[in-house]
């Protein structure tokens, strides 16, 4: 989903498509900030976890680090804009092909810790009230999304692993009874 944060620009929220590197960073931030415990405690008590999750991140000082991992700039801001002279030359020689822009293009699969750190620094400078409110909302929404996806993943991966292991134990060699296949030295016997 594309969101515009007043004073910071447009960002993609990274929800479904992600790298294992980013997943580990997010998981570590959730754990070390106390947001994981806050979320699980509030859910177990039947209470909305939103305030507790945000307070855990804010209290730990990891809120911007988390946002840097949860959001991807929609355009590559690391590529400097052409200087006025370069623009004038481009205008005069319009028929020449433009030099290629190199960057991530907003693709969540191109997220790196460096992009996350740059995003965090950019978000720290938001002053617009609407932008601040959006960031607060995004912390809670991204954390909740990750918890729900993580819990679902944990349940399905454990059940898949259990089924795979039961299937493997029942048929280690394809004979179905759990015993080893009879050994024979004669081919085809």
N, C-alpha and C. Protein backbone atom coordinates (compact mmCIF):
# COMPACT_ATOMS: atom_id res chain seq x y z
N UNK A 1 0.84 -1.17 0.00
CA UNK A 1 0.00 0.00 0.00
C UNK A 1 0.89 1.24 0.00
N UNK A 2 0.49 2.23 -0.77
CA UNK A 2 1.24 3.47 -0.86
C UNK A 2 0.62 4.50 0.08
N UNK A 3 1.43 5.08 0.95
CA UNK A 3 0.96 6.11 1.87
C UNK A 3 1.80 7.36 1.68
N UNK A 4 1.14 8.50 1.84
CA UNK A 4 1.88 9.76 1.78
C UNK A 4 1.92 10.36 3.17
N UNK A 5 3.13 10.62 3.63
CA UNK A 5 3.32 11.19 4.95
C UNK A 5 3.70 12.65 4.76
N UNK A 6 2.83 13.53 5.24
CA UNK A 6 3.06 14.96 5.05
C UNK A 6 4.40 15.36 5.67
N UNK A 7 5.23 15.95 4.85
CA UNK A 7 6.54 16.38 5.31
C UNK A 7 7.64 15.36 5.06
N UNK A 8 7.30 14.18 4.57
CA UNK A 8 8.32 13.16 4.33
C UNK A 8 8.22 12.52 2.96
N UNK A 9 7.06 12.54 2.34
CA UNK A 9 6.92 11.95 1.01
C UNK A 9 6.07 10.69 0.99
N UNK A 10 6.22 9.93 -0.09
CA UNK A 10 5.43 8.73 -0.30
C UNK A 10 6.25 7.49 0.04
N UNK A 11 5.56 6.52 0.66
CA UNK A 11 6.21 5.29 1.09
C UNK A 11 5.31 4.10 0.81
N UNK A 12 5.93 2.97 0.53
CA UNK A 12 5.21 1.70 0.43
C UNK A 12 5.28 1.05 1.81
N UNK A 13 4.14 0.55 2.28
CA UNK A 13 4.17 -0.24 3.51
C UNK A 13 4.55 -1.66 3.09
N UNK A 14 5.51 -2.21 3.77
CA UNK A 14 5.97 -3.56 3.44
C UNK A 14 5.15 -4.52 4.29
N UNK A 15 4.21 -5.22 3.66
CA UNK A 15 3.36 -6.13 4.43
C UNK A 15 3.51 -7.57 3.97
N UNK A 16 3.29 -7.84 2.71
CA UNK A 16 3.29 -9.23 2.26
C UNK A 16 4.63 -9.65 1.67
N UNK A 17 5.20 -8.82 0.83
CA UNK A 17 6.41 -9.18 0.12
C UNK A 17 7.61 -8.65 0.89
N UNK A 18 8.45 -9.55 1.37
CA UNK A 18 9.56 -9.12 2.21
C UNK A 18 10.70 -10.13 2.11
N UNK A 19 11.89 -9.68 2.48
CA UNK A 19 13.04 -10.57 2.52
C UNK A 19 13.21 -11.12 3.93
N UNK A 20 13.92 -12.20 4.05
CA UNK A 20 14.18 -12.80 5.36
C UNK A 20 15.01 -11.83 6.21
N UNK A 21 15.90 -11.07 5.58
CA UNK A 21 16.71 -10.10 6.31
C UNK A 21 15.82 -9.08 7.02
N UNK A 22 14.85 -8.55 6.30
CA UNK A 22 13.93 -7.57 6.88
C UNK A 22 13.05 -8.21 7.95
N UNK A 23 12.58 -9.41 7.70
CA UNK A 23 11.75 -10.11 8.69
C UNK A 23 12.50 -10.30 10.00
N UNK A 24 13.77 -10.63 9.92
CA UNK A 24 14.57 -10.82 11.14
C UNK A 24 14.77 -9.49 11.86
N UNK A 25 15.03 -8.41 11.10
CA UNK A 25 15.19 -7.09 11.71
C UNK A 25 13.91 -6.70 12.44
N UNK A 26 12.76 -6.86 11.77
CA UNK A 26 11.47 -6.52 12.39
C UNK A 26 11.23 -7.37 13.64
N UNK A 27 11.48 -8.67 13.52
CA UNK A 27 11.27 -9.58 14.64
C UNK A 27 12.12 -9.17 15.84
N UNK A 28 13.37 -8.84 15.59
CA UNK A 28 14.26 -8.41 16.67
C UNK A 28 13.79 -7.10 17.30
N UNK A 29 13.32 -6.17 16.46
CA UNK A 29 12.83 -4.89 16.99
C UNK A 29 11.57 -5.09 17.83
N UNK A 30 10.69 -5.96 17.39
CA UNK A 30 9.47 -6.24 18.16
C UNK A 30 9.82 -6.83 19.53
N UNK A 31 10.80 -7.73 19.53
CA UNK A 31 11.19 -8.39 20.77
C UNK A 31 11.94 -7.44 21.70
N UNK A 32 12.95 -6.73 21.19
CA UNK A 32 13.80 -5.90 22.05
C UNK A 32 13.11 -4.61 22.49
N UNK A 33 12.09 -4.18 21.78
CA UNK A 33 11.36 -2.96 22.18
C UNK A 33 10.34 -3.25 23.28
N UNK A 34 9.98 -4.51 23.44
CA UNK A 34 8.93 -4.87 24.38
C UNK A 34 7.55 -4.88 23.74
N UNK A 35 7.46 -4.55 22.45
CA UNK A 35 6.17 -4.51 21.76
C UNK A 35 5.55 -5.90 21.66
N UNK A 36 6.38 -6.92 21.51
CA UNK A 36 5.86 -8.28 21.40
C UNK A 36 5.14 -8.69 22.69
N UNK A 37 5.77 -8.47 23.81
CA UNK A 37 5.17 -8.82 25.10
C UNK A 37 3.92 -7.97 25.34
N UNK A 38 4.00 -6.67 25.02
CA UNK A 38 2.85 -5.78 25.21
C UNK A 38 1.67 -6.25 24.37
N UNK A 39 1.94 -6.62 23.12
CA UNK A 39 0.88 -7.09 22.23
C UNK A 39 0.23 -8.36 22.77
N UNK A 40 1.05 -9.34 23.09
CA UNK A 40 0.52 -10.63 23.56
C UNK A 40 -0.21 -10.50 24.89
N UNK A 41 0.30 -9.68 25.80
CA UNK A 41 -0.37 -9.47 27.09
C UNK A 41 -1.75 -8.84 26.91
N UNK A 42 -1.83 -7.82 26.07
CA UNK A 42 -3.11 -7.13 25.86
C UNK A 42 -4.11 -8.03 25.13
N UNK A 43 -3.64 -8.78 24.15
CA UNK A 43 -4.53 -9.69 23.42
C UNK A 43 -5.04 -10.78 24.37
N UNK A 44 -4.17 -11.32 25.21
CA UNK A 44 -4.58 -12.36 26.16
C UNK A 44 -5.60 -11.82 27.16
N UNK A 45 -5.49 -10.52 27.48
CA UNK A 45 -6.43 -9.90 28.42
C UNK A 45 -7.71 -9.44 27.73
N UNK A 46 -7.76 -9.58 26.41
CA UNK A 46 -8.95 -9.16 25.67
C UNK A 46 -9.05 -7.66 25.48
N UNK A 47 -7.90 -6.98 25.50
CA UNK A 47 -7.85 -5.52 25.38
C UNK A 47 -7.15 -5.15 24.07
N UNK A 48 -7.57 -4.03 23.47
CA UNK A 48 -6.90 -3.55 22.25
C UNK A 48 -5.42 -3.28 22.55
N UNK A 49 -4.52 -3.82 21.77
CA UNK A 49 -3.09 -3.66 22.06
C UNK A 49 -2.46 -2.40 21.48
N UNK A 50 -3.20 -1.59 20.73
CA UNK A 50 -2.61 -0.46 19.99
C UNK A 50 -1.77 0.48 20.85
N UNK A 51 -2.34 0.98 21.93
CA UNK A 51 -1.63 1.93 22.77
C UNK A 51 -0.40 1.29 23.40
N UNK A 52 -0.53 0.07 23.87
CA UNK A 52 0.59 -0.62 24.53
C UNK A 52 1.73 -0.86 23.54
N UNK A 53 1.40 -1.21 22.30
CA UNK A 53 2.43 -1.45 21.28
C UNK A 53 3.17 -0.15 20.99
N UNK A 54 2.42 0.93 20.77
CA UNK A 54 3.08 2.21 20.47
C UNK A 54 3.93 2.67 21.66
N UNK A 55 3.41 2.55 22.87
CA UNK A 55 4.17 2.97 24.05
C UNK A 55 5.44 2.15 24.23
N UNK A 56 5.39 0.87 23.90
CA UNK A 56 6.58 0.02 24.00
C UNK A 56 7.65 0.50 23.02
N UNK A 57 7.24 0.78 21.79
CA UNK A 57 8.22 1.27 20.81
C UNK A 57 8.76 2.64 21.21
N UNK A 58 7.87 3.55 21.58
CA UNK A 58 8.29 4.90 21.93
C UNK A 58 9.19 4.88 23.17
N UNK A 59 8.83 4.08 24.16
CA UNK A 59 9.62 3.99 25.38
C UNK A 59 11.00 3.38 25.18
N UNK A 60 11.11 2.51 24.20
CA UNK A 60 12.40 1.86 23.94
C UNK A 60 13.30 2.70 23.05
N UNK A 61 12.73 3.73 22.41
CA UNK A 61 13.52 4.54 21.49
C UNK A 61 13.71 3.90 20.13
N UNK A 62 12.96 2.85 19.83
CA UNK A 62 13.13 2.12 18.58
C UNK A 62 12.02 2.38 17.56
N UNK A 63 11.21 3.40 17.81
CA UNK A 63 10.07 3.65 16.94
C UNK A 63 10.51 3.99 15.51
N UNK A 64 11.53 4.83 15.35
CA UNK A 64 11.96 5.21 14.00
C UNK A 64 12.72 4.09 13.31
N UNK A 65 13.45 3.32 14.09
CA UNK A 65 14.14 2.15 13.53
C UNK A 65 13.10 1.16 12.98
N UNK A 66 12.01 0.98 13.72
CA UNK A 66 10.94 0.10 13.28
C UNK A 66 10.26 0.65 12.02
N UNK A 67 9.96 1.95 12.02
CA UNK A 67 9.35 2.55 10.83
C UNK A 67 10.27 2.44 9.62
N UNK A 68 11.57 2.56 9.83
CA UNK A 68 12.53 2.41 8.73
C UNK A 68 12.51 1.02 8.13
N UNK A 69 12.18 0.03 8.96
CA UNK A 69 12.08 -1.34 8.47
C UNK A 69 10.71 -1.66 7.91
N UNK A 70 9.69 -0.91 8.34
CA UNK A 70 8.32 -1.18 7.91
C UNK A 70 7.92 -0.43 6.65
N UNK A 71 8.66 0.63 6.32
CA UNK A 71 8.32 1.46 5.16
C UNK A 71 9.45 1.48 4.15
N UNK A 72 9.09 1.61 2.89
CA UNK A 72 10.07 1.69 1.80
C UNK A 72 9.75 2.96 1.00
N UNK A 73 10.73 3.86 0.84
CA UNK A 73 10.47 5.06 0.04
C UNK A 73 9.96 4.67 -1.35
N UNK A 74 8.95 5.41 -1.82
CA UNK A 74 8.35 5.10 -3.11
C UNK A 74 9.29 5.42 -4.26
N UNK A 75 10.19 6.36 -4.06
CA UNK A 75 11.16 6.69 -5.09
C UNK A 75 12.53 6.79 -4.45
N UNK A 76 13.53 6.61 -5.24
CA UNK A 76 14.89 6.60 -4.70
C UNK A 76 15.35 8.03 -4.46
N UNK A 77 15.39 8.43 -3.20
CA UNK A 77 15.82 9.78 -2.83
C UNK A 77 17.34 9.89 -2.73
N UNK A 78 18.03 8.76 -2.81
CA UNK A 78 19.48 8.80 -2.69
C UNK A 78 20.15 9.30 -3.96
N UNK A 79 19.42 9.30 -5.09
CA UNK A 79 19.97 9.79 -6.35
C UNK A 79 19.76 11.30 -6.38
N UNK A 80 20.85 12.06 -6.44
CA UNK A 80 20.69 13.52 -6.40
C UNK A 80 19.97 14.03 -7.64
N UNK A 81 19.19 15.08 -7.45
CA UNK A 81 18.51 15.73 -8.56
C UNK A 81 19.56 16.45 -9.42
N UNK A 82 19.33 16.52 -10.73
CA UNK A 82 20.31 17.20 -11.59
C UNK A 82 20.47 18.67 -11.21
N UNK A 83 21.67 19.13 -11.26
CA UNK A 83 22.00 20.51 -11.02
C UNK A 83 21.41 21.34 -12.16
N UNK A 84 21.21 22.66 -11.96
CA UNK A 84 20.58 23.50 -12.98
C UNK A 84 21.32 23.45 -14.31
N UNK A 85 22.65 23.34 -14.27
CA UNK A 85 23.42 23.28 -15.51
C UNK A 85 23.16 21.95 -16.23
N UNK A 86 23.09 20.88 -15.46
CA UNK A 86 22.79 19.59 -16.05
C UNK A 86 21.40 19.59 -16.68
N UNK A 87 20.44 20.25 -16.02
CA UNK A 87 19.09 20.34 -16.59
C UNK A 87 19.09 21.15 -17.88
N UNK A 88 19.87 22.21 -17.90
CA UNK A 88 19.95 23.05 -19.11
C UNK A 88 20.55 22.25 -20.27
N UNK A 89 21.59 21.49 -19.98
CA UNK A 89 22.22 20.66 -21.01
C UNK A 89 21.24 19.61 -21.50
N UNK A 90 20.48 18.98 -20.57
CA UNK A 90 19.46 17.99 -20.97
C UNK A 90 18.42 18.64 -21.88
N UNK A 91 18.06 19.91 -21.57
CA UNK A 91 17.06 20.60 -22.38
C UNK A 91 17.60 20.88 -23.77
N UNK A 92 18.87 21.30 -23.85
CA UNK A 92 19.47 21.60 -25.15
C UNK A 92 19.67 20.34 -26.00
N UNK A 93 20.00 19.25 -25.35
CA UNK A 93 20.27 17.99 -26.07
C UNK A 93 19.19 16.96 -25.76
N UNK A 94 17.94 17.37 -25.93
CA UNK A 94 16.79 16.55 -25.61
C UNK A 94 16.73 15.26 -26.40
N UNK A 95 17.33 15.21 -27.56
CA UNK A 95 17.24 14.02 -28.42
C UNK A 95 18.13 12.88 -27.93
N UNK A 96 19.05 13.18 -27.05
CA UNK A 96 19.92 12.13 -26.52
C UNK A 96 19.17 11.35 -25.44
N UNK A 97 19.45 10.05 -25.32
CA UNK A 97 18.77 9.28 -24.26
C UNK A 97 19.22 9.76 -22.88
N UNK A 98 18.29 9.76 -21.96
CA UNK A 98 18.58 10.18 -20.59
C UNK A 98 19.43 9.12 -19.90
N UNK A 99 20.35 9.55 -19.05
CA UNK A 99 21.13 8.55 -18.31
C UNK A 99 20.22 7.75 -17.39
N UNK A 100 20.50 6.48 -17.20
CA UNK A 100 19.62 5.66 -16.36
C UNK A 100 19.72 6.07 -14.90
N UNK A 101 18.60 6.02 -14.21
CA UNK A 101 18.58 6.25 -12.76
C UNK A 101 18.80 4.91 -12.08
N UNK A 102 19.69 4.90 -11.15
CA UNK A 102 19.99 3.68 -10.43
C UNK A 102 19.39 3.79 -9.05
N UNK A 103 18.72 2.74 -8.62
CA UNK A 103 18.15 2.76 -7.27
C UNK A 103 17.19 1.61 -7.05
N UNK A 104 16.50 1.64 -5.93
CA UNK A 104 15.61 0.55 -5.55
C UNK A 104 14.24 0.66 -6.18
N UNK A 105 13.83 1.85 -6.61
CA UNK A 105 12.54 2.01 -7.26
C UNK A 105 11.36 1.72 -6.36
N UNK A 106 11.55 1.69 -5.06
CA UNK A 106 10.45 1.44 -4.15
C UNK A 106 10.07 -0.02 -3.98
N UNK A 107 10.83 -0.92 -4.59
CA UNK A 107 10.52 -2.36 -4.49
C UNK A 107 10.87 -2.87 -3.09
N UNK A 108 9.88 -3.41 -2.36
CA UNK A 108 10.15 -3.91 -1.00
C UNK A 108 11.24 -4.99 -0.94
N UNK A 109 11.42 -5.72 -2.02
CA UNK A 109 12.46 -6.77 -2.01
C UNK A 109 13.86 -6.18 -2.08
N UNK A 110 13.97 -4.90 -2.37
CA UNK A 110 15.28 -4.24 -2.40
C UNK A 110 15.61 -3.54 -1.09
N UNK A 111 14.78 -3.77 -0.05
CA UNK A 111 15.02 -3.14 1.23
C UNK A 111 16.36 -3.61 1.80
N UNK A 112 17.12 -2.70 2.37
CA UNK A 112 18.37 -3.01 3.06
C UNK A 112 18.39 -2.25 4.38
N UNK A 113 19.23 -2.65 5.31
CA UNK A 113 19.35 -1.89 6.55
C UNK A 113 19.75 -0.43 6.31
N UNK A 114 20.52 -0.18 5.25
CA UNK A 114 20.92 1.20 4.93
C UNK A 114 19.71 2.03 4.50
N UNK A 115 18.84 1.44 3.68
CA UNK A 115 17.62 2.13 3.27
C UNK A 115 16.74 2.36 4.49
N UNK A 116 16.67 1.38 5.38
CA UNK A 116 15.89 1.52 6.60
C UNK A 116 16.40 2.66 7.47
N UNK A 117 17.73 2.76 7.61
CA UNK A 117 18.32 3.83 8.43
C UNK A 117 18.06 5.20 7.80
N UNK A 118 18.18 5.30 6.47
CA UNK A 118 17.91 6.57 5.78
C UNK A 118 16.43 6.96 5.92
N UNK A 119 15.55 5.96 5.83
CA UNK A 119 14.12 6.22 5.99
C UNK A 119 13.83 6.71 7.41
N UNK A 120 14.43 6.08 8.39
CA UNK A 120 14.24 6.49 9.80
C UNK A 120 14.68 7.94 10.00
N UNK A 121 15.83 8.29 9.46
CA UNK A 121 16.34 9.66 9.60
C UNK A 121 15.38 10.66 8.95
N UNK A 122 14.85 10.30 7.81
CA UNK A 122 13.91 11.17 7.09
C UNK A 122 12.62 11.36 7.90
N UNK A 123 12.14 10.29 8.52
CA UNK A 123 10.89 10.36 9.28
C UNK A 123 11.04 11.12 10.59
N UNK A 124 12.24 11.15 11.14
CA UNK A 124 12.49 11.88 12.39
C UNK A 124 12.26 13.38 12.22
N UNK A 125 12.31 13.86 10.98
CA UNK A 125 12.21 15.29 10.72
C UNK A 125 10.78 15.75 10.40
N UNK A 126 9.81 14.85 10.50
CA UNK A 126 8.42 15.21 10.21
C UNK A 126 7.93 16.18 11.28
N UNK A 127 7.35 17.31 10.83
CA UNK A 127 6.82 18.31 11.77
C UNK A 127 5.32 18.52 11.60
N UNK A 128 4.77 18.15 10.47
CA UNK A 128 3.34 18.37 10.22
C UNK A 128 2.50 17.48 11.14
N UNK A 129 1.47 18.05 11.79
CA UNK A 129 0.63 17.25 12.68
C UNK A 129 0.02 16.02 11.98
N UNK A 130 -0.42 16.19 10.74
CA UNK A 130 -1.01 15.06 10.00
C UNK A 130 0.05 13.97 9.76
N UNK A 131 1.27 14.39 9.48
CA UNK A 131 2.36 13.43 9.27
C UNK A 131 2.69 12.67 10.55
N UNK A 132 2.71 13.37 11.67
CA UNK A 132 2.97 12.74 12.97
C UNK A 132 1.88 11.73 13.31
N UNK A 133 0.64 12.11 13.05
CA UNK A 133 -0.47 11.20 13.33
C UNK A 133 -0.39 9.96 12.44
N UNK A 134 -0.02 10.16 11.18
CA UNK A 134 0.12 9.03 10.25
C UNK A 134 1.22 8.09 10.73
N UNK A 135 2.33 8.63 11.21
CA UNK A 135 3.43 7.79 11.69
C UNK A 135 3.00 6.97 12.90
N UNK A 136 2.27 7.57 13.81
CA UNK A 136 1.77 6.84 14.98
C UNK A 136 0.88 5.68 14.55
N UNK A 137 0.00 5.97 13.62
CA UNK A 137 -0.90 4.93 13.10
C UNK A 137 -0.10 3.83 12.40
N UNK A 138 0.91 4.20 11.62
CA UNK A 138 1.69 3.21 10.88
C UNK A 138 2.49 2.29 11.80
N UNK A 139 2.97 2.80 12.92
CA UNK A 139 3.70 1.96 13.88
C UNK A 139 2.79 0.82 14.34
N UNK A 140 1.59 1.18 14.77
CA UNK A 140 0.65 0.19 15.29
C UNK A 140 0.18 -0.76 14.18
N UNK A 141 -0.16 -0.20 13.01
CA UNK A 141 -0.66 -1.03 11.91
C UNK A 141 0.41 -2.02 11.42
N UNK A 142 1.64 -1.55 11.27
CA UNK A 142 2.71 -2.43 10.79
C UNK A 142 3.04 -3.51 11.82
N UNK A 143 3.09 -3.13 13.09
CA UNK A 143 3.38 -4.12 14.13
C UNK A 143 2.27 -5.17 14.21
N UNK A 144 1.03 -4.72 14.19
CA UNK A 144 -0.09 -5.65 14.26
C UNK A 144 -0.10 -6.59 13.07
N UNK A 145 0.16 -6.03 11.89
CA UNK A 145 0.21 -6.85 10.67
C UNK A 145 1.30 -7.91 10.78
N UNK A 146 2.45 -7.52 11.29
CA UNK A 146 3.55 -8.47 11.42
C UNK A 146 3.22 -9.54 12.45
N UNK A 147 2.60 -9.13 13.58
CA UNK A 147 2.21 -10.11 14.60
C UNK A 147 1.25 -11.12 14.02
N UNK A 148 0.22 -10.64 13.34
CA UNK A 148 -0.78 -11.56 12.79
C UNK A 148 -0.17 -12.48 11.75
N UNK A 149 0.66 -11.94 10.87
CA UNK A 149 1.32 -12.78 9.86
C UNK A 149 2.30 -13.73 10.53
N UNK A 150 3.00 -13.25 11.54
CA UNK A 150 3.97 -14.09 12.24
C UNK A 150 3.31 -15.21 13.00
N UNK A 151 2.22 -14.90 13.70
CA UNK A 151 1.52 -15.94 14.44
C UNK A 151 0.92 -16.96 13.49
N UNK A 152 0.36 -16.50 12.39
CA UNK A 152 -0.19 -17.41 11.39
C UNK A 152 0.92 -18.30 10.82
N UNK A 153 2.04 -17.68 10.51
CA UNK A 153 3.18 -18.43 9.96
C UNK A 153 3.67 -19.48 10.95
N UNK A 154 3.72 -19.10 12.24
CA UNK A 154 4.18 -20.03 13.26
C UNK A 154 3.27 -21.25 13.34
N UNK A 155 1.96 -21.01 13.32
CA UNK A 155 1.00 -22.11 13.40
C UNK A 155 1.10 -23.00 12.17
N UNK A 156 1.12 -22.41 10.98
CA UNK A 156 1.15 -23.24 9.78
C UNK A 156 2.49 -23.94 9.62
N UNK A 157 3.57 -23.29 9.99
CA UNK A 157 4.86 -23.95 9.81
C UNK A 157 5.02 -25.11 10.80
N UNK A 158 4.52 -24.96 12.03
CA UNK A 158 4.61 -26.07 12.99
C UNK A 158 3.75 -27.24 12.55
N UNK A 159 2.51 -26.94 12.08
CA UNK A 159 1.64 -28.03 11.66
C UNK A 159 2.19 -28.69 10.40
N UNK A 160 2.77 -27.89 9.50
CA UNK A 160 3.37 -28.45 8.30
C UNK A 160 4.57 -29.32 8.66
N UNK A 161 5.37 -28.84 9.58
CA UNK A 161 6.53 -29.61 10.01
C UNK A 161 6.09 -30.90 10.69
N UNK A 162 5.07 -30.82 11.54
CA UNK A 162 4.57 -32.01 12.22
C UNK A 162 4.07 -33.03 11.20
N UNK A 163 3.29 -32.58 10.23
CA UNK A 163 2.76 -33.49 9.21
C UNK A 163 3.89 -34.09 8.39
N UNK A 164 4.87 -33.27 8.07
CA UNK A 164 5.99 -33.77 7.30
C UNK A 164 6.77 -34.82 8.10
N UNK A 165 6.97 -34.54 9.39
CA UNK A 165 7.71 -35.48 10.22
C UNK A 165 6.93 -36.77 10.43
N UNK A 166 5.62 -36.65 10.63
CA UNK A 166 4.81 -37.85 10.79
C UNK A 166 4.82 -38.68 9.52
N UNK A 167 4.73 -38.01 8.40
CA UNK A 167 4.78 -38.70 7.12
C UNK A 167 6.14 -39.35 6.90
N UNK A 168 7.19 -38.65 7.33
CA UNK A 168 8.54 -39.18 7.17
C UNK A 168 8.77 -40.36 8.10
N UNK A 169 8.27 -40.23 9.36
CA UNK A 169 8.45 -41.33 10.30
C UNK A 169 7.68 -42.56 9.84
N UNK A 170 6.48 -42.33 9.30
CA UNK A 170 5.68 -43.47 8.88
C UNK A 170 6.25 -44.14 7.63
N UNK A 171 6.95 -43.36 6.82
CA UNK A 171 7.46 -43.91 5.56
C UNK A 171 8.87 -43.43 5.27
N UNK A 172 9.83 -43.84 6.06
CA UNK A 172 11.18 -43.35 5.81
C UNK A 172 11.75 -43.84 4.49
N UNK A 173 11.29 -44.97 4.04
CA UNK A 173 11.84 -45.49 2.79
C UNK A 173 10.75 -45.82 1.78
N UNK A 174 9.55 -45.33 2.06
CA UNK A 174 8.46 -45.54 1.12
C UNK A 174 7.71 -46.85 1.33
N UNK A 175 8.05 -47.62 2.36
CA UNK A 175 7.38 -48.90 2.58
C UNK A 175 6.17 -48.80 3.49
N UNK A 176 5.98 -47.68 4.17
CA UNK A 176 4.76 -47.42 4.91
C UNK A 176 4.68 -47.99 6.30
N UNK A 177 5.56 -48.85 6.73
CA UNK A 177 5.44 -49.42 8.07
C UNK A 177 6.49 -48.88 9.02
N UNK A 178 7.31 -47.99 8.57
CA UNK A 178 8.32 -47.39 9.46
C UNK A 178 9.56 -48.22 9.61
N UNK A 179 9.57 -49.41 9.02
CA UNK A 179 10.77 -50.25 9.16
C UNK A 179 11.66 -50.05 7.94
N UNK A 180 12.85 -50.48 8.08
CA UNK A 180 13.80 -50.33 6.99
C UNK A 180 13.44 -51.31 5.87
N UNK A 181 13.80 -50.94 4.69
CA UNK A 181 13.54 -51.80 3.53
C UNK A 181 14.43 -53.02 3.62
N UNK A 182 13.92 -54.16 3.17
CA UNK A 182 14.75 -55.37 3.19
C UNK A 182 15.96 -55.18 2.29
N UNK A 183 17.07 -55.64 2.77
CA UNK A 183 18.31 -55.54 1.99
C UNK A 183 18.42 -56.75 1.09
N UNK A 184 18.80 -56.51 -0.12
CA UNK A 184 19.05 -57.64 -0.99
C UNK A 184 20.23 -57.32 -1.87
N UNK A 185 20.99 -58.31 -2.15
CA UNK A 185 22.16 -58.08 -2.98
C UNK A 185 21.86 -58.34 -4.45
N UNK A 186 20.76 -59.01 -4.72
CA UNK A 186 20.43 -59.29 -6.11
C UNK A 186 19.62 -58.17 -6.70
N UNK A 187 19.97 -57.71 -7.89
CA UNK A 187 19.19 -56.66 -8.50
C UNK A 187 17.79 -57.16 -8.82
N UNK A 188 16.79 -56.30 -8.54
CA UNK A 188 15.42 -56.62 -8.84
C UNK A 188 14.78 -57.57 -7.86
N UNK A 189 15.48 -58.01 -6.82
CA UNK A 189 14.90 -58.96 -5.86
C UNK A 189 14.12 -58.27 -4.81
